[in-house]
Amino acid sequence: MDIEYGLFEVLENPITELTATEAVLVNFILEHPRDVLDMTIQELALSNDTSPSAVTRLCKKLNIKNFKNFKIYLSQSLERERIQNNKIVAETSIYGKFFQDIEQSLENTLAVLDEEKMKVVNKLIHDSETIYVYGIGFSREIADSIFKKWNILGKSVIVIPDRDTGIISVSNSSTKCLFIGISNGGNSIDVTYVMDAALERGLQTVAITNYKNSKMSQRADHMLYSGGGPVLPNFASYAVYSQLFAIDMLYLDYVNTYTES
């Protein structure tokens, strides 16, 4: 087996038959790798009742130039093992599982984001007099993110605080304004009511949701989908991360298209 697969793998699966002395050395190294890392060639030989030349012959048989290089490969293999063990611990712990699910939700979002649709939405944002944004619960954080990002660029963005205020605001707005509704499930009653009022007024509407077959996706003029994950009871939702990521992608496209470098 090639050394690139790791020293432990090579020691456990030698490409040539080992002598009895070499086998003793290999077993000692596999059982005490960290101790060997701190040994000289003389100390390793002494610990196994053999000679330094026997250690050198083992290195040659493993296609390793000398004992110094052997210890370099040993150090690399130990580090690789440490990283792998940490990965296993992360994958099996609640925190590791949480991170993996977030990572998966971001990958799902990247897979469903449509670049052409993002450009259409950004054109609407750029041309609008005012952008009305409404989301409740965790989606309110996404609305706040939109406000902070586009407000920096000089766009007029209003985060709607509640359904009644939203209905009044969009019903009395210019038709050159834009409404963006955010709901992971796409069936928020309050957001849908405001969207209906915006549509009745003649505003262009955008829905940001994780579900294609939802009330909002059926009503909105334009859709941006995010890839969600399971809801976490009581304190968080993977949808927050996927929606924030979707908004970051939208913002990146906007900056690249409509601002000077």
C-alpha atoms as a PDB file:
ATOM      1  CA  MET A   1       0.000   0.000   0.000  1.00  0.00           C
ATOM      2  CA  ASP A   2       1.279   3.470  -0.895  1.00  0.00           C
ATOM      3  CA  ILE A   3       2.470   5.722   1.938  1.00  0.00           C
ATOM      4  CA  GLU A   4       0.016   8.422   0.776  1.00  0.00           C
ATOM      5  CA  TYR A   5      -2.773   6.421   2.407  1.00  0.00           C
ATOM      6  CA  GLY A   6      -1.103   6.913   5.779  1.00  0.00           C
ATOM      7  CA  LEU A   7       1.690   5.218   7.703  1.00  0.00           C
ATOM      8  CA  PHE A   8      -0.668   3.174   9.875  1.00  0.00           C
ATOM      9  CA  GLU A   9      -2.278   1.665   6.800  1.00  0.00           C
ATOM     10  CA  VAL A  10       1.133   0.803   5.357  1.00  0.00           C
ATOM     11  CA  LEU A  11       2.287  -0.795   8.617  1.00  0.00           C
ATOM     12  CA  GLU A  12      -0.893  -2.847   8.871  1.00  0.00           C
ATOM     13  CA  ASN A  13      -0.728  -3.893   5.208  1.00  0.00           C
ATOM     14  CA  PRO A  14       2.955  -4.173   4.209  1.00  0.00           C
ATOM     15  CA  ILE A  15       3.578  -4.812   0.522  1.00  0.00           C
ATOM     16  CA  THR A  16       6.380  -7.290   1.322  1.00  0.00           C
ATOM     17  CA  GLU A  17       6.656  -9.953   4.004  1.00  0.00           C
ATOM     18  CA  LEU A  18       8.235  -8.786   7.237  1.00  0.00           C
ATOM     19  CA  THR A  19      10.892 -10.610   9.203  1.00  0.00           C
ATOM     20  CA  ALA A  20      10.160 -11.588  12.796  1.00  0.00           C
ATOM     21  CA  THR A  21      12.207  -8.648  14.052  1.00  0.00           C
ATOM     22  CA  GLU A  22      10.455  -6.210  11.725  1.00  0.00           C
ATOM     23  CA  ALA A  23       7.066  -7.549  12.778  1.00  0.00           C
ATOM     24  CA  VAL A  24       7.970  -6.894  16.423  1.00  0.00           C
ATOM     25  CA  LEU A  25       8.946  -3.322  15.546  1.00  0.00           C
ATOM     26  CA  VAL A  26       5.746  -2.740  13.594  1.00  0.00           C
ATOM     27  CA  ASN A  27       3.582  -4.043  16.447  1.00  0.00           C
ATOM     28  CA  PHE A  28       5.405  -1.801  18.915  1.00  0.00           C
ATOM     29  CA  ILE A  29       4.972   1.258  16.677  1.00  0.00           C
ATOM     30  CA  LEU A  30       1.269   0.571  16.173  1.00  0.00           C
ATOM     31  CA  GLU A  31       0.730   0.139  19.914  1.00  0.00           C
ATOM     32  CA  HIS A  32       2.865   3.126  21.001  1.00  0.00           C
ATOM     33  CA  PRO A  33       2.907   5.616  18.099  1.00  0.00           C
ATOM     34  CA  ARG A  34       3.168   8.746  20.252  1.00  0.00           C
ATOM     35  CA  ASP A  35       6.015   7.294  22.282  1.00  0.00           C
ATOM     36  CA  VAL A  36       7.883   6.393  19.100  1.00  0.00           C
ATOM     37  CA  LEU A  37       7.486   9.960  17.877  1.00  0.00           C
ATOM     38  CA  ASP A  38       9.708  11.097  20.769  1.00  0.00           C
ATOM     39  CA  MET A  39      12.268   8.310  20.411  1.00  0.00           C
ATOM     40  CA  THR A  40      15.626   8.250  18.675  1.00  0.00           C
ATOM     41  CA  ILE A  41      16.408   5.322  16.407  1.00  0.00           C
ATOM     42  CA  GLN A  42      18.626   3.904  19.154  1.00  0.00           C
ATOM     43  CA  GLU A  43      15.838   4.138  21.752  1.00  0.00           C
ATOM     44  CA  LEU A  44      13.338   2.413  19.458  1.00  0.00           C
ATOM     45  CA  ALA A  45      15.806  -0.377  18.770  1.00  0.00           C
ATOM     46  CA  LEU A  46      16.628  -0.777  22.471  1.00  0.00           C
ATOM     47  CA  SER A  47      12.947  -0.950  23.404  1.00  0.00           C
ATOM     48  CA  ASN A  48      12.554  -3.930  21.077  1.00  0.00           C
ATOM     49  CA  ASP A  49      15.839  -5.722  21.760  1.00  0.00           C
ATOM     50  CA  THR A  50      17.111  -5.062  18.267  1.00  0.00           C
ATOM     51  CA  SER A  51      19.566  -2.808  16.476  1.00  0.00           C
ATOM     52  CA  PRO A  52      19.257   0.597  14.762  1.00  0.00           C
ATOM     53  CA  SER A  53      20.130  -1.102  11.499  1.00  0.00           C
ATOM     54  CA  ALA A  54      17.020  -3.282  11.846  1.00  0.00           C
ATOM     55  CA  VAL A  55      14.922  -0.108  12.149  1.00  0.00           C
ATOM     56  CA  THR A  56      16.633   1.319   9.082  1.00  0.00           C
ATOM     57  CA  ARG A  57      15.930  -1.875   7.106  1.00  0.00           C
ATOM     58  CA  LEU A  58      12.253  -1.646   8.091  1.00  0.00           C
ATOM     59  CA  CYS A  59      12.104   1.934   6.817  1.00  0.00           C
ATOM     60  CA  LYS A  60      13.659   0.884   3.507  1.00  0.00           C
ATOM     61  CA  LYS A  61      11.218  -2.001   3.166  1.00  0.00           C
ATOM     62  CA  LEU A  62       8.375   0.494   3.614  1.00  0.00           C
ATOM     63  CA  ASN A  63       9.900   2.730   0.906  1.00  0.00           C
ATOM     64  CA  ILE A  64      10.804   5.387   3.473  1.00  0.00           C
ATOM     65  CA  LYS A  65      14.238   6.943   3.129  1.00  0.00           C
ATOM     66  CA  ASN A  66      15.264   6.929   6.798  1.00  0.00           C
ATOM     67  CA  PHE A  67      13.995   7.001  10.373  1.00  0.00           C
ATOM     68  CA  LYS A  68      13.743  10.798  10.335  1.00  0.00           C
ATOM     69  CA  ASN A  69      11.313  10.654   7.409  1.00  0.00           C
ATOM     70  CA  PHE A  70       9.553   7.741   9.093  1.00  0.00           C
ATOM     71  CA  LYS A  71       8.775   9.981  12.078  1.00  0.00           C
ATOM     72  CA  ILE A  72       7.476  12.703   9.752  1.00  0.00           C
ATOM     73  CA  TYR A  73       5.013  10.224   8.234  1.00  0.00           C
ATOM     74  CA  LEU A  74       4.127   9.011  11.724  1.00  0.00           C
ATOM     75  CA  SER A  75       3.391  12.560  12.866  1.00  0.00           C
ATOM     76  CA  GLN A  76       1.203  13.160   9.806  1.00  0.00           C
ATOM     77  CA  SER A  77      -0.721   9.948  10.413  1.00  0.00           C
ATOM     78  CA  LEU A  78      -1.312  10.815  14.063  1.00  0.00           C
ATOM     79  CA  GLU A  79      -2.641  14.228  13.064  1.00  0.00           C
ATOM     80  CA  ARG A  80      -4.867  12.659  10.429  1.00  0.00           C
ATOM     81  CA  GLU A  81      -6.192  10.245  13.050  1.00  0.00           C
ATOM     82  CA  ARG A  82      -6.821  13.100  15.494  1.00  0.00           C
ATOM     83  CA  ILE A  83      -8.803  15.053  12.884  1.00  0.00           C
ATOM     84  CA  GLN A  84     -10.816  11.976  11.976  1.00  0.00           C
ATOM     85  CA  ASN A  85     -11.592  11.237  15.633  1.00  0.00           C
ATOM     86  CA  ASN A  86     -12.673  14.827  16.201  1.00  0.00           C
ATOM     87  CA  LYS A  87     -14.889  14.591  13.121  1.00  0.00           C
ATOM     88  CA  ILE A  88     -16.514  11.433  14.463  1.00  0.00           C
ATOM     89  CA  VAL A  89     -17.115  13.094  17.837  1.00  0.00           C
ATOM     90  CA  ALA A  90     -18.588  16.148  16.089  1.00  0.00           C
ATOM     91  CA  GLU A  91     -20.844  14.012  13.935  1.00  0.00           C
ATOM     92  CA  THR A  92     -22.169  12.078  16.915  1.00  0.00           C
ATOM     93  CA  SER A  93     -22.601  15.038  19.290  1.00  0.00           C
ATOM     94  CA  ILE A  94     -25.679  17.256  19.374  1.00  0.00           C
ATOM     95  CA  TYR A  95     -23.558  20.245  18.346  1.00  0.00           C
ATOM     96  CA  GLY A  96     -21.969  18.393  15.465  1.00  0.00           C
ATOM     97  CA  LYS A  97     -25.370  17.213  14.258  1.00  0.00           C
ATOM     98  CA  PHE A  98     -26.670  20.771  14.501  1.00  0.00           C
ATOM     99  CA  PHE A  99     -23.765  22.066  12.425  1.00  0.00           C
ATOM    100  CA  GLN A 100     -24.175  19.314   9.825  1.00  0.00           C
ATOM    101  CA  ASP A 101     -27.877  20.094   9.437  1.00  0.00           C
ATOM    102  CA  ILE A 102     -27.150  23.808   8.989  1.00  0.00           C
ATOM    103  CA  GLU A 103     -24.494  22.970   6.418  1.00  0.00           C
ATOM    104  CA  GLN A 104     -26.975  20.758   4.577  1.00  0.00           C
ATOM    105  CA  SER A 105     -29.642  23.483   4.590  1.00  0.00           C
ATOM    106  CA  LEU A 106     -27.132  25.906   3.020  1.00  0.00           C
ATOM    107  CA  GLU A 107     -26.236  23.367   0.346  1.00  0.00           C
ATOM    108  CA  ASN A 108     -29.953  22.842  -0.332  1.00  0.00           C
ATOM    109  CA  THR A 109     -30.423  26.589  -0.702  1.00  0.00           C
ATOM    110  CA  LEU A 110     -27.515  26.900  -3.104  1.00  0.00           C
ATOM    111  CA  ALA A 111     -29.030  24.101  -5.181  1.00  0.00           C
ATOM    112  CA  VAL A 112     -32.478  25.721  -5.516  1.00  0.00           C
ATOM    113  CA  LEU A 113     -31.475  29.377  -5.896  1.00  0.00           C
ATOM    114  CA  ASP A 114     -32.165  30.512  -9.451  1.00  0.00           C
ATOM    115  CA  GLU A 115     -29.648  33.100 -10.654  1.00  0.00           C
ATOM    116  CA  GLU A 116     -31.965  34.489 -13.331  1.00  0.00           C
ATOM    117  CA  LYS A 117     -34.780  34.936 -10.826  1.00  0.00           C
ATOM    118  CA  MET A 118     -32.404  36.695  -8.450  1.00  0.00           C
ATOM    119  CA  LYS A 119     -31.498  39.136 -11.222  1.00  0.00           C
ATOM    120  CA  VAL A 120     -35.188  39.807 -11.901  1.00  0.00           C
ATOM    121  CA  VAL A 121     -35.835  40.463  -8.208  1.00  0.00           C
ATOM    122  CA  ASN A 122     -32.798  42.718  -7.949  1.00  0.00           C
ATOM    123  CA  LYS A 123     -34.009  44.717 -10.941  1.00  0.00           C
ATOM    124  CA  LEU A 124     -37.293  45.247  -9.106  1.00  0.00           C
ATOM    125  CA  ILE A 125     -35.418  46.286  -5.962  1.00  0.00           C
ATOM    126  CA  HIS A 126     -33.252  48.692  -7.923  1.00  0.00           C
ATOM    127  CA  ASP A 127     -36.207  50.310  -9.723  1.00  0.00           C
ATOM    128  CA  SER A 128     -38.554  50.529  -6.729  1.00  0.00           C
ATOM    129  CA  GLU A 129     -39.212  53.731  -4.810  1.00  0.00           C
ATOM    130  CA  THR A 130     -39.710  51.902  -1.528  1.00  0.00           C
ATOM    131  CA  ILE A 131     -39.329  48.267  -0.520  1.00  0.00           C
ATOM    132  CA  TYR A 132     -41.819  46.927   2.001  1.00  0.00           C
ATOM    133  CA  VAL A 133     -40.597  43.807   3.790  1.00  0.00           C
ATOM    134  CA  TYR A 134     -42.670  41.637   6.100  1.00  0.00           C
ATOM    135  CA  GLY A 135     -41.880  38.477   8.007  1.00  0.00           C
ATOM    136  CA  ILE A 136     -42.997  37.241  11.410  1.00  0.00           C
ATOM    137  CA  GLY A 137     -41.315  34.966  13.943  1.00  0.00           C
ATOM    138  CA  PHE A 138     -37.878  33.873  12.786  1.00  0.00           C
ATOM    139  CA  SER A 139     -38.577  35.435   9.387  1.00  0.00           C
ATOM    140  CA  ARG A 140     -38.507  38.866  11.015  1.00  0.00           C
ATOM    141  CA  GLU A 141     -34.737  38.434  11.304  1.00  0.00           C
ATOM    142  CA  ILE A 142     -34.578  38.007   7.540  1.00  0.00           C
ATOM    143  CA  ALA A 143     -36.634  41.167   7.040  1.00  0.00           C
ATOM    144  CA  ASP A 144     -34.235  43.068   9.309  1.00  0.00           C
ATOM    145  CA  SER A 145     -31.297  41.705   7.306  1.00  0.00           C
ATOM    146  CA  ILE A 146     -32.815  43.026   4.072  1.00  0.00           C
ATOM    147  CA  PHE A 147     -33.331  46.417   5.700  1.00  0.00           C
ATOM    148  CA  LYS A 148     -29.724  46.655   6.909  1.00  0.00           C
ATOM    149  CA  LYS A 149     -28.179  45.555   3.632  1.00  0.00           C
ATOM    150  CA  TRP A 150     -30.110  47.641   1.139  1.00  0.00           C
ATOM    151  CA  ASN A 151     -30.453  50.626   3.453  1.00  0.00           C
ATOM    152  CA  ILE A 152     -26.653  50.922   3.406  1.00  0.00           C
ATOM    153  CA  LEU A 153     -26.870  51.201  -0.378  1.00  0.00           C
ATOM    154  CA  GLY A 154     -29.330  54.056  -0.139  1.00  0.00           C
ATOM    155  CA  LYS A 155     -32.539  52.145  -0.860  1.00  0.00           C
ATOM    156  CA  SER A 156     -35.677  53.039   1.045  1.00  0.00           C
ATOM    157  CA  VAL A 157     -36.638  49.905   2.964  1.00  0.00           C
ATOM    158  CA  ILE A 158     -39.500  49.642   5.430  1.00  0.00           C
ATOM    159  CA  VAL A 159     -39.854  46.622   7.713  1.00  0.00           C
ATOM    160  CA  ILE A 160     -43.558  46.158   8.397  1.00  0.00           C
ATOM    161  CA  PRO A 161     -44.154  45.634  12.139  1.00  0.00           C
ATOM    162  CA  ASP A 162     -47.568  43.926  11.985  1.00  0.00           C
ATOM    163  CA  ARG A 163     -50.364  42.871   9.634  1.00  0.00           C
ATOM    164  CA  ASP A 164     -52.681  45.852  10.054  1.00  0.00           C
ATOM    165  CA  THR A 165     -49.888  48.405   9.644  1.00  0.00           C
ATOM    166  CA  GLY A 166     -48.701  46.501   6.611  1.00  0.00           C
ATOM    167  CA  ILE A 167     -52.093  46.447   4.926  1.00  0.00           C
ATOM    168  CA  ILE A 168     -52.534  50.191   5.465  1.00  0.00           C
ATOM    169  CA  SER A 169     -48.985  50.957   4.265  1.00  0.00           C
ATOM    170  CA  VAL A 170     -49.073  49.006   1.011  1.00  0.00           C
ATOM    171  CA  SER A 171     -52.669  50.027   0.265  1.00  0.00           C
ATOM    172  CA  ASN A 172     -51.637  53.678   0.292  1.00  0.00           C
ATOM    173  CA  SER A 173     -48.242  53.318  -1.366  1.00  0.00           C
ATOM    174  CA  SER A 174     -47.090  54.183  -4.853  1.00  0.00           C
ATOM    175  CA  THR A 175     -47.433  51.403  -7.380  1.00  0.00           C
ATOM    176  CA  LYS A 176     -43.703  51.806  -8.005  1.00  0.00           C
ATOM    177  CA  CYS A 177     -43.042  50.218  -4.632  1.00  0.00           C
ATOM    178  CA  LEU A 178     -42.157  46.581  -4.016  1.00  0.00           C
ATOM    179  CA  PHE A 179     -43.430  44.128  -1.415  1.00  0.00           C
ATOM    180  CA  ILE A 180     -41.279  41.226  -0.167  1.00  0.00           C
ATOM    181  CA  GLY A 181     -42.979  38.627   1.986  1.00  0.00           C
ATOM    182  CA  ILE A 182     -40.967  36.078   3.947  1.00  0.00           C
ATOM    183  CA  SER A 183     -42.257  32.832   5.409  1.00  0.00           C
ATOM    184  CA  ASN A 184     -40.462  29.501   5.616  1.00  0.00           C
ATOM    185  CA  GLY A 185     -43.681  27.531   5.159  1.00  0.00           C
ATOM    186  CA  GLY A 186     -45.165  30.066   2.768  1.00  0.00           C
ATOM    187  CA  ASN A 187     -48.531  29.944   4.506  1.00  0.00           C
ATOM    188  CA  SER A 188     -48.280  32.710   7.083  1.00  0.00           C
ATOM    189  CA  ILE A 189     -51.774  34.187   7.337  1.00  0.00           C
ATOM    190  CA  ASP A 190     -50.548  37.645   8.296  1.00  0.00           C
ATOM    191  CA  VAL A 191     -47.925  37.858   5.548  1.00  0.00           C
ATOM    192  CA  THR A 192     -50.400  36.522   2.985  1.00  0.00           C
ATOM    193  CA  TYR A 193     -52.975  39.177   3.926  1.00  0.00           C
ATOM    194  CA  VAL A 194     -50.432  41.960   3.411  1.00  0.00           C
ATOM    195  CA  MET A 195     -49.297  40.413   0.140  1.00  0.00           C
ATOM    196  CA  ASP A 196     -52.905  40.318  -1.065  1.00  0.00           C
ATOM    197  CA  ALA A 197     -53.260  44.009  -0.212  1.00  0.00           C
ATOM    198  CA  ALA A 198     -50.057  44.780  -2.119  1.00  0.00           C
ATOM    199  CA  LEU A 199     -51.281  42.851  -5.152  1.00  0.00           C
ATOM    200  CA  GLU A 200     -54.643  44.633  -5.046  1.00  0.00           C
ATOM    201  CA  ARG A 201     -52.824  47.960  -4.962  1.00  0.00           C
ATOM    202  CA  GLY A 202     -50.771  46.936  -8.012  1.00  0.00           C
ATOM    203  CA  LEU A 203     -47.365  46.470  -6.380  1.00  0.00           C
ATOM    204  CA  GLN A 204     -44.923  43.882  -7.631  1.00  0.00           C
ATOM    205  CA  THR A 205     -44.564  41.141  -5.003  1.00  0.00           C
ATOM    206  CA  VAL A 206     -41.793  38.724  -4.091  1.00  0.00           C
ATOM    207  CA  ALA A 207     -42.167  35.699  -1.824  1.00  0.00           C
ATOM    208  CA  ILE A 208     -39.203  34.058  -0.096  1.00  0.00           C
ATOM    209  CA  THR A 209     -40.138  30.601   1.141  1.00  0.00           C
ATOM    210  CA  ASN A 210     -39.005  27.018   1.316  1.00  0.00           C
ATOM    211  CA  TYR A 211     -42.143  25.491  -0.179  1.00  0.00           C
ATOM    212  CA  LYS A 212     -43.269  25.739  -3.789  1.00  0.00           C
ATOM    213  CA  ASN A 213     -46.846  24.683  -3.128  1.00  0.00           C
ATOM    214  CA  SER A 214     -47.868  27.350  -0.639  1.00  0.00           C
ATOM    215  CA  LYS A 215     -50.322  30.223  -0.476  1.00  0.00           C
ATOM    216  CA  MET A 216     -47.587  32.799  -0.945  1.00  0.00           C
ATOM    217  CA  SER A 217     -45.904  31.029  -3.856  1.00  0.00           C
ATOM    218  CA  GLN A 218     -49.259  30.789  -5.625  1.00  0.00           C
ATOM    219  CA  ARG A 219     -49.966  34.499  -5.166  1.00  0.00           C
ATOM    220  CA  ALA A 220     -46.594  36.229  -5.572  1.00  0.00           C
ATOM    221  CA  ASP A 221     -45.401  37.664  -8.867  1.00  0.00           C
ATOM    222  CA  HIS A 222     -41.876  36.397  -8.191  1.00  0.00           C
ATOM    223  CA  MET A 223     -40.444  33.591  -6.054  1.00  0.00           C
ATOM    224  CA  LEU A 224     -37.117  32.928  -4.364  1.00  0.00           C
ATOM    225  CA  TYR A 225     -36.793  29.516  -2.741  1.00  0.00           C
ATOM    226  CA  SER A 226     -34.487  28.559   0.100  1.00  0.00           C
ATOM    227  CA  GLY A 227     -33.538  25.064   1.130  1.00  0.00           C
ATOM    228  CA  GLY A 228     -34.699  24.494   4.662  1.00  0.00           C
ATOM    229  CA  GLY A 229     -34.229  21.882   7.349  1.00  0.00           C
ATOM    230  CA  PRO A 230     -36.148  20.567  10.354  1.00  0.00           C
ATOM    231  CA  VAL A 231     -37.579  23.048  12.837  1.00  0.00           C
ATOM    232  CA  LEU A 232     -35.735  23.126  16.139  1.00  0.00           C
ATOM    233  CA  PRO A 233     -38.235  23.350  19.001  1.00  0.00           C
ATOM    234  CA  ASN A 234     -38.269  26.329  21.326  1.00  0.00           C
ATOM    235  CA  PHE A 235     -35.256  28.288  20.183  1.00  0.00           C
ATOM    236  CA  ALA A 236     -34.165  28.129  16.547  1.00  0.00           C
ATOM    237  CA  SER A 237     -34.858  26.989  13.031  1.00  0.00           C
ATOM    238  CA  TYR A 238     -32.589  25.844  10.245  1.00  0.00           C
ATOM    239  CA  ALA A 239     -34.741  27.990   7.959  1.00  0.00           C
ATOM    240  CA  VAL A 240     -33.162  31.104   9.475  1.00  0.00           C
ATOM    241  CA  TYR A 241     -29.739  30.088   8.210  1.00  0.00           C
ATOM    242  CA  SER A 242     -30.935  29.056   4.752  1.00  0.00           C
ATOM    243  CA  GLN A 243     -33.002  32.246   4.322  1.00  0.00           C
ATOM    244  CA  LEU A 244     -30.142  34.456   5.507  1.00  0.00           C
ATOM    245  CA  PHE A 245     -27.883  32.685   3.037  1.00  0.00           C
ATOM    246  CA  ALA A 246     -30.399  33.262   0.238  1.00  0.00           C
ATOM    247  CA  ILE A 247     -30.543  36.965   1.092  1.00  0.00           C
ATOM    248  CA  ASP A 248     -26.742  37.148   1.169  1.00  0.00           C
ATOM    249  CA  MET A 249     -26.630  35.640  -2.333  1.00  0.00           C
ATOM    250  CA  LEU A 250     -29.274  38.096  -3.523  1.00  0.00           C
ATOM    251  CA  TYR A 251     -27.358  40.992  -2.005  1.00  0.00           C
ATOM    252  CA  LEU A 252     -24.073  39.845  -3.524  1.00  0.00           C
ATOM    253  CA  ASP A 253     -25.661  39.783  -6.963  1.00  0.00           C
ATOM    254  CA  TYR A 254     -27.169  43.231  -6.390  1.00  0.00           C
ATOM    255  CA  VAL A 255     -23.850  44.739  -5.312  1.00  0.00           C
ATOM    256  CA  ASN A 256     -22.042  43.203  -8.279  1.00  0.00           C
ATOM    257  CA  THR A 257     -24.701  44.465 -10.693  1.00  0.00           C
ATOM    258  CA  TYR A 258     -25.709  47.890  -9.411  1.00  0.00           C
ATOM    259  CA  THR A 259     -22.825  49.330  -7.418  1.00  0.00           C
ATOM    260  CA  GLU A 260     -19.398  50.523  -8.428  1.00  0.00           C
ATOM    261  CA  SER A 261     -16.450  48.481  -7.224  1.00  0.00           C
END
